[in-house]
Amino acid sequence: MSEVNPQLVKQLREKTNAGMMDCKRALTEAGGDIEKAETILRTKGIASAGKKSSRATKEGIVASYIHLQGKVGVLVEVNCETDFVAKNDIFREFVKDITLHIAASHPLCVSRDQVPSADLEKEREIYRGQVKGKPEAIIEKIVDGKVDKYYSTVCLLDQPFIKNPDQTVKDLVTGKITELGENIVIRRFTRYMVGEESAQTAPAAE
């Protein structure tokens, strides 16, 4: 493990948000191949995060951000399991990144299950109209692909993270769960923009 190139460890940490020792182990297991090491970390991280995802999150913080000289404002609630993590600098920096992302990317809701069914069906009808005349099986496959693209524009967790478009916000959350060892939930947010008739508020996650 001591022979692992420190620069590779640094690169892997920046890409995955994993701890230093985890990065060293993954690079050792991958024989120094950073892409293989990233796959190893993500596989382990997703498994670890999945085990934590059912744990109660009753602590956390509400954070705010004002963007574009007061033209856009964001309030977000992010929950964790303990007050200890809520006060942790890594957690607070993560929450700050989420407020920046919401200000810049304008999601409409936190997750897919919060997209109104009427809106989703309206989108599907539009997409079906765009590929009219093709075989039904192909139409539905194309429509499903376009719906996934739609989710990536309106759902916070599905959006490419503003600071690293190679990962989604959901990937970022998973990385922080692994790094901090607690379940983390983006509960809800409100985005204000000067001139809009009303603030855009995402419902609270269940």
C-alpha atoms as a PDB file:
ATOM      1  CA  MET A   1       0.000   0.000   0.000  1.00  0.00           C
ATOM      2  CA  SER A   2       2.936   2.318   0.692  1.00  0.00           C
ATOM      3  CA  GLU A   3       4.024   2.049  -2.971  1.00  0.00           C
ATOM      4  CA  VAL A   4       0.851   3.669  -4.322  1.00  0.00           C
ATOM      5  CA  ASN A   5       1.571   6.967  -6.088  1.00  0.00           C
ATOM      6  CA  PRO A   6       0.319   9.825  -3.843  1.00  0.00           C
ATOM      7  CA  GLN A   7      -0.752  11.792  -6.926  1.00  0.00           C
ATOM      8  CA  LEU A   8      -3.015   8.916  -7.982  1.00  0.00           C
ATOM      9  CA  VAL A   9      -4.490   8.824  -4.478  1.00  0.00           C
ATOM     10  CA  LYS A  10      -5.167  12.565  -4.671  1.00  0.00           C
ATOM     11  CA  GLN A  11      -6.781  12.262  -8.119  1.00  0.00           C
ATOM     12  CA  LEU A  12      -8.983   9.392  -6.969  1.00  0.00           C
ATOM     13  CA  ARG A  13     -10.076  11.282  -3.844  1.00  0.00           C
ATOM     14  CA  GLU A  14     -11.037  14.308  -5.957  1.00  0.00           C
ATOM     15  CA  LYS A  15     -13.052  12.141  -8.352  1.00  0.00           C
ATOM     16  CA  THR A  16     -14.868  10.012  -5.768  1.00  0.00           C
ATOM     17  CA  ASN A  17     -14.834  11.937  -2.450  1.00  0.00           C
ATOM     18  CA  ALA A  18     -13.685   8.706  -0.781  1.00  0.00           C
ATOM     19  CA  GLY A  19     -11.288   8.612   2.180  1.00  0.00           C
ATOM     20  CA  MET A  20      -7.524   8.428   1.657  1.00  0.00           C
ATOM     21  CA  MET A  21      -7.118   4.882   2.992  1.00  0.00           C
ATOM     22  CA  ASP A  22     -10.046   3.646   0.892  1.00  0.00           C
ATOM     23  CA  CYS A  23      -8.418   5.200  -2.194  1.00  0.00           C
ATOM     24  CA  LYS A  24      -5.077   3.547  -1.384  1.00  0.00           C
ATOM     25  CA  ARG A  25      -6.729   0.147  -0.933  1.00  0.00           C
ATOM     26  CA  ALA A  26      -8.688   0.493  -4.178  1.00  0.00           C
ATOM     27  CA  LEU A  27      -5.579   1.524  -6.134  1.00  0.00           C
ATOM     28  CA  THR A  28      -3.639  -1.373  -4.654  1.00  0.00           C
ATOM     29  CA  GLU A  29      -6.435  -3.780  -5.602  1.00  0.00           C
ATOM     30  CA  ALA A  30      -6.587  -2.264  -9.101  1.00  0.00           C
ATOM     31  CA  GLY A  31      -2.817  -2.440  -9.602  1.00  0.00           C
ATOM     32  CA  GLY A  32      -2.542   1.343  -9.889  1.00  0.00           C
ATOM     33  CA  ASP A  33      -5.255   1.650 -12.586  1.00  0.00           C
ATOM     34  CA  ILE A  34      -7.246   4.715 -11.529  1.00  0.00           C
ATOM     35  CA  GLU A  35     -10.338   3.844 -13.597  1.00  0.00           C
ATOM     36  CA  LYS A  36     -10.526   0.333 -12.125  1.00  0.00           C
ATOM     37  CA  ALA A  37      -9.950   1.793  -8.653  1.00  0.00           C
ATOM     38  CA  GLU A  38     -12.820   4.244  -9.189  1.00  0.00           C
ATOM     39  CA  THR A  39     -15.114   1.367 -10.180  1.00  0.00           C
ATOM     40  CA  ILE A  40     -14.082  -0.576  -7.057  1.00  0.00           C
ATOM     41  CA  LEU A  41     -14.774   2.440  -4.833  1.00  0.00           C
ATOM     42  CA  ARG A  42     -18.124   3.227  -6.418  1.00  0.00           C
ATOM     43  CA  THR A  43     -19.245  -0.403  -6.125  1.00  0.00           C
ATOM     44  CA  LYS A  44     -18.288  -0.544  -2.456  1.00  0.00           C
ATOM     45  CA  GLY A  45     -19.643   2.941  -1.801  1.00  0.00           C
ATOM     46  CA  ILE A  46     -23.038   2.246  -3.339  1.00  0.00           C
ATOM     47  CA  ALA A  47     -23.324  -0.981  -1.336  1.00  0.00           C
ATOM     48  CA  SER A  48     -22.335   0.821   1.857  1.00  0.00           C
ATOM     49  CA  ALA A  49     -24.627   3.769   1.188  1.00  0.00           C
ATOM     50  CA  GLY A  50     -27.497   1.408   0.388  1.00  0.00           C
ATOM     51  CA  LYS A  51     -27.233  -0.156   3.839  1.00  0.00           C
ATOM     52  CA  LYS A  52     -27.392   3.297   5.457  1.00  0.00           C
ATOM     53  CA  SER A  53     -30.240   4.670   3.326  1.00  0.00           C
ATOM     54  CA  SER A  54     -32.984   3.301   5.611  1.00  0.00           C
ATOM     55  CA  ARG A  55     -31.569   4.916   8.746  1.00  0.00           C
ATOM     56  CA  ALA A  56     -33.441   7.860  10.281  1.00  0.00           C
ATOM     57  CA  THR A  57     -32.168  11.366   9.546  1.00  0.00           C
ATOM     58  CA  LYS A  58     -33.445  13.733  12.240  1.00  0.00           C
ATOM     59  CA  GLU A  59     -30.505  16.143  12.387  1.00  0.00           C
ATOM     60  CA  GLY A  60     -29.013  18.431   9.741  1.00  0.00           C
ATOM     61  CA  ILE A  61     -29.054  22.074   8.717  1.00  0.00           C
ATOM     62  CA  VAL A  62     -30.997  24.631   6.708  1.00  0.00           C
ATOM     63  CA  ALA A  63     -28.681  26.649   4.475  1.00  0.00           C
ATOM     64  CA  SER A  64     -29.159  29.659   2.220  1.00  0.00           C
ATOM     65  CA  TYR A  65     -27.388  31.132  -0.777  1.00  0.00           C
ATOM     66  CA  ILE A  66     -27.851  34.403  -2.662  1.00  0.00           C
ATOM     67  CA  HIS A  67     -26.668  34.426  -6.269  1.00  0.00           C
ATOM     68  CA  LEU A  68     -26.237  36.976  -9.083  1.00  0.00           C
ATOM     69  CA  GLN A  69     -26.105  40.038  -6.821  1.00  0.00           C
ATOM     70  CA  GLY A  70     -29.409  39.241  -5.199  1.00  0.00           C
ATOM     71  CA  LYS A  71     -31.320  38.049  -8.274  1.00  0.00           C
ATOM     72  CA  VAL A  72     -31.554  34.391  -7.163  1.00  0.00           C
ATOM     73  CA  GLY A  73     -31.881  32.951  -3.657  1.00  0.00           C
ATOM     74  CA  VAL A  74     -31.969  29.371  -2.379  1.00  0.00           C
ATOM     75  CA  LEU A  75     -33.020  27.751   0.901  1.00  0.00           C
ATOM     76  CA  VAL A  76     -32.311  24.044   1.351  1.00  0.00           C
ATOM     77  CA  GLU A  77     -32.747  21.526   4.176  1.00  0.00           C
ATOM     78  CA  VAL A  78     -30.288  18.631   4.258  1.00  0.00           C
ATOM     79  CA  ASN A  79     -30.600  15.977   6.957  1.00  0.00           C
ATOM     80  CA  CYS A  80     -28.141  13.565   8.550  1.00  0.00           C
ATOM     81  CA  GLU A  81     -28.275  11.204  11.536  1.00  0.00           C
ATOM     82  CA  THR A  82     -26.358  13.077  14.238  1.00  0.00           C
ATOM     83  CA  ASP A  83     -25.649  16.617  15.388  1.00  0.00           C
ATOM     84  CA  PHE A  84     -21.948  15.710  15.262  1.00  0.00           C
ATOM     85  CA  VAL A  85     -22.069  15.282  11.467  1.00  0.00           C
ATOM     86  CA  ALA A  86     -24.381  18.295  11.082  1.00  0.00           C
ATOM     87  CA  LYS A  87     -21.569  20.430  12.529  1.00  0.00           C
ATOM     88  CA  ASN A  88     -18.875  18.733  10.438  1.00  0.00           C
ATOM     89  CA  ASP A  89     -17.083  21.002   7.938  1.00  0.00           C
ATOM     90  CA  ILE A  90     -17.268  18.373   5.188  1.00  0.00           C
ATOM     91  CA  PHE A  91     -21.045  18.091   5.605  1.00  0.00           C
ATOM     92  CA  ARG A  92     -21.501  21.860   5.643  1.00  0.00           C
ATOM     93  CA  GLU A  93     -19.345  22.310   2.549  1.00  0.00           C
ATOM     94  CA  PHE A  94     -21.462  19.633   0.825  1.00  0.00           C
ATOM     95  CA  VAL A  95     -24.672  21.497   1.749  1.00  0.00           C
ATOM     96  CA  LYS A  96     -23.169  24.729   0.424  1.00  0.00           C
ATOM     97  CA  ASP A  97     -22.402  22.965  -2.871  1.00  0.00           C
ATOM     98  CA  ILE A  98     -26.039  21.825  -3.054  1.00  0.00           C
ATOM     99  CA  THR A  99     -27.302  25.409  -2.644  1.00  0.00           C
ATOM    100  CA  LEU A 100     -24.916  26.577  -5.385  1.00  0.00           C
ATOM    101  CA  HIS A 101     -26.108  23.782  -7.645  1.00  0.00           C
ATOM    102  CA  ILE A 102     -29.800  24.561  -7.095  1.00  0.00           C
ATOM    103  CA  ALA A 103     -29.203  28.254  -7.818  1.00  0.00           C
ATOM    104  CA  ALA A 104     -27.400  27.454 -11.083  1.00  0.00           C
ATOM    105  CA  SER A 105     -29.316  24.418 -12.367  1.00  0.00           C
ATOM    106  CA  HIS A 106     -32.906  25.277 -11.371  1.00  0.00           C
ATOM    107  CA  PRO A 107     -34.272  21.790 -10.504  1.00  0.00           C
ATOM    108  CA  LEU A 108     -38.023  21.585  -9.895  1.00  0.00           C
ATOM    109  CA  CYS A 109     -38.013  18.767  -7.344  1.00  0.00           C
ATOM    110  CA  VAL A 110     -35.623  16.596  -5.345  1.00  0.00           C
ATOM    111  CA  SER A 111     -36.346  13.150  -6.823  1.00  0.00           C
ATOM    112  CA  ARG A 112     -38.265  11.341  -9.571  1.00  0.00           C
ATOM    113  CA  ASP A 113     -41.141  10.308  -7.321  1.00  0.00           C
ATOM    114  CA  GLN A 114     -41.963  13.995  -6.767  1.00  0.00           C
ATOM    115  CA  VAL A 115     -42.621  14.723 -10.464  1.00  0.00           C
ATOM    116  CA  PRO A 116     -46.419  15.143 -10.830  1.00  0.00           C
ATOM    117  CA  SER A 117     -47.886  12.245 -12.831  1.00  0.00           C
ATOM    118  CA  ALA A 118     -49.839  14.710 -15.001  1.00  0.00           C
ATOM    119  CA  ASP A 119     -46.617  16.502 -15.978  1.00  0.00           C
ATOM    120  CA  LEU A 120     -44.916  13.205 -16.755  1.00  0.00           C
ATOM    121  CA  GLU A 121     -47.769  11.980 -18.949  1.00  0.00           C
ATOM    122  CA  LYS A 122     -47.822  15.335 -20.765  1.00  0.00           C
ATOM    123  CA  GLU A 123     -44.115  14.932 -21.546  1.00  0.00           C
ATOM    124  CA  ARG A 124     -44.693  11.370 -22.743  1.00  0.00           C
ATOM    125  CA  GLU A 125     -47.434  12.528 -25.128  1.00  0.00           C
ATOM    126  CA  ILE A 126     -45.121  15.194 -26.562  1.00  0.00           C
ATOM    127  CA  TYR A 127     -42.364  12.619 -27.087  1.00  0.00           C
ATOM    128  CA  ARG A 128     -44.753  10.123 -28.685  1.00  0.00           C
ATOM    129  CA  GLY A 129     -45.834  12.835 -31.111  1.00  0.00           C
ATOM    130  CA  GLN A 130     -42.199  13.478 -32.056  1.00  0.00           C
ATOM    131  CA  VAL A 131     -41.655   9.857 -33.154  1.00  0.00           C
ATOM    132  CA  LYS A 132     -45.078   9.135 -34.639  1.00  0.00           C
ATOM    133  CA  GLY A 133     -45.091   6.496 -37.376  1.00  0.00           C
ATOM    134  CA  LYS A 134     -42.458   4.211 -35.908  1.00  0.00           C
ATOM    135  CA  PRO A 135     -43.268   0.715 -34.546  1.00  0.00           C
ATOM    136  CA  GLU A 136     -44.887   0.864 -31.095  1.00  0.00           C
ATOM    137  CA  ALA A 137     -42.066  -1.004 -29.334  1.00  0.00           C
ATOM    138  CA  ILE A 138     -39.493   1.415 -30.751  1.00  0.00           C
ATOM    139  CA  ILE A 139     -41.666   4.414 -29.859  1.00  0.00           C
ATOM    140  CA  GLU A 140     -41.877   3.371 -26.201  1.00  0.00           C
ATOM    141  CA  LYS A 141     -38.129   2.738 -26.042  1.00  0.00           C
ATOM    142  CA  ILE A 142     -37.398   6.195 -27.457  1.00  0.00           C
ATOM    143  CA  VAL A 143     -39.977   7.792 -25.150  1.00  0.00           C
ATOM    144  CA  ASP A 144     -38.445   6.099 -22.099  1.00  0.00           C
ATOM    145  CA  GLY A 145     -35.047   7.480 -23.101  1.00  0.00           C
ATOM    146  CA  LYS A 146     -36.458  10.978 -23.463  1.00  0.00           C
ATOM    147  CA  VAL A 147     -38.197  10.686 -20.081  1.00  0.00           C
ATOM    148  CA  ASP A 148     -34.847   9.810 -18.478  1.00  0.00           C
ATOM    149  CA  LYS A 149     -33.416  12.947 -20.097  1.00  0.00           C
ATOM    150  CA  TYR A 150     -36.363  14.946 -18.743  1.00  0.00           C
ATOM    151  CA  TYR A 151     -35.673  13.648 -15.228  1.00  0.00           C
ATOM    152  CA  SER A 152     -32.060  14.805 -15.553  1.00  0.00           C
ATOM    153  CA  THR A 153     -33.270  18.370 -16.138  1.00  0.00           C
ATOM    154  CA  VAL A 154     -35.979  18.679 -13.473  1.00  0.00           C
ATOM    155  CA  CYS A 155     -34.934  16.306 -10.650  1.00  0.00           C
ATOM    156  CA  LEU A 156     -32.117  17.514  -8.403  1.00  0.00           C
ATOM    157  CA  LEU A 157     -30.723  14.025  -7.722  1.00  0.00           C
ATOM    158  CA  ASP A 158     -30.633  13.169 -11.445  1.00  0.00           C
ATOM    159  CA  GLN A 159     -28.902  16.368 -12.554  1.00  0.00           C
ATOM    160  CA  PRO A 160     -25.178  16.401 -13.434  1.00  0.00           C
ATOM    161  CA  PHE A 161     -23.432  18.064 -10.490  1.00  0.00           C
ATOM    162  CA  ILE A 162     -22.499  21.637 -11.417  1.00  0.00           C
ATOM    163  CA  LYS A 163     -18.887  21.269 -10.195  1.00  0.00           C
ATOM    164  CA  ASN A 164     -18.361  17.850 -11.780  1.00  0.00           C
ATOM    165  CA  PRO A 165     -20.773  17.013 -14.642  1.00  0.00           C
ATOM    166  CA  ASP A 166     -19.356  13.465 -14.796  1.00  0.00           C
ATOM    167  CA  GLN A 167     -21.304  12.618 -11.626  1.00  0.00           C
ATOM    168  CA  THR A 168     -24.930  13.227 -10.697  1.00  0.00           C
ATOM    169  CA  VAL A 169     -26.035  14.900  -7.481  1.00  0.00           C
ATOM    170  CA  LYS A 170     -27.181  11.445  -6.354  1.00  0.00           C
ATOM    171  CA  ASP A 171     -23.615  10.152  -6.880  1.00  0.00           C
ATOM    172  CA  LEU A 172     -22.356  13.085  -4.811  1.00  0.00           C
ATOM    173  CA  VAL A 173     -24.772  12.249  -1.977  1.00  0.00           C
ATOM    174  CA  THR A 174     -23.719   8.583  -2.097  1.00  0.00           C
ATOM    175  CA  GLY A 175     -20.070   9.640  -1.854  1.00  0.00           C
ATOM    176  CA  LYS A 176     -20.763  11.799   1.202  1.00  0.00           C
ATOM    177  CA  ILE A 177     -22.713   8.980   2.891  1.00  0.00           C
ATOM    178  CA  THR A 178     -19.673   6.752   2.428  1.00  0.00           C
ATOM    179  CA  GLU A 179     -17.237   9.466   3.519  1.00  0.00           C
ATOM    180  CA  LEU A 180     -19.151  10.565   6.645  1.00  0.00           C
ATOM    181  CA  GLY A 181     -20.598   7.180   7.604  1.00  0.00           C
ATOM    182  CA  GLU A 182     -24.178   8.422   8.012  1.00  0.00           C
ATOM    183  CA  ASN A 183     -27.315   8.510   5.926  1.00  0.00           C
ATOM    184  CA  ILE A 184     -27.798  11.902   4.243  1.00  0.00           C
ATOM    185  CA  VAL A 185     -31.059  13.145   2.717  1.00  0.00           C
ATOM    186  CA  ILE A 186     -31.713  16.325   0.748  1.00  0.00           C
ATOM    187  CA  ARG A 187     -35.119  16.953   2.300  1.00  0.00           C
ATOM    188  CA  ARG A 188     -36.486  19.986   0.432  1.00  0.00           C
ATOM    189  CA  PHE A 189     -35.560  23.303  -1.124  1.00  0.00           C
ATOM    190  CA  THR A 190     -36.999  26.607  -2.255  1.00  0.00           C
ATOM    191  CA  ARG A 191     -35.561  28.683  -5.085  1.00  0.00           C
ATOM    192  CA  TYR A 192     -36.464  32.341  -5.467  1.00  0.00           C
ATOM    193  CA  MET A 193     -35.815  34.423  -8.565  1.00  0.00           C
ATOM    194  CA  VAL A 194     -36.527  38.124  -8.965  1.00  0.00           C
ATOM    195  CA  GLY A 195     -39.498  38.642 -11.275  1.00  0.00           C
ATOM    196  CA  GLU A 196     -41.055  35.195 -10.858  1.00  0.00           C
ATOM    197  CA  GLU A 197     -44.682  35.185  -9.758  1.00  0.00           C
ATOM    198  CA  SER A 198     -43.989  32.740  -6.921  1.00  0.00           C
ATOM    199  CA  ALA A 199     -41.084  30.885  -5.407  1.00  0.00           C
ATOM    200  CA  GLN A 200     -40.393  27.393  -6.733  1.00  0.00           C
ATOM    201  CA  THR A 201     -40.620  24.986  -3.788  1.00  0.00           C
ATOM    202  CA  ALA A 202     -39.735  21.295  -3.887  1.00  0.00           C
ATOM    203  CA  PRO A 203     -41.793  19.062  -1.574  1.00  0.00           C
ATOM    204  CA  ALA A 204     -40.105  17.413   1.372  1.00  0.00           C
ATOM    205  CA  ALA A 205     -38.683  13.932   0.780  1.00  0.00           C
ATOM    206  CA  GLU A 206     -40.517  11.128   2.550  1.00  0.00           C
END
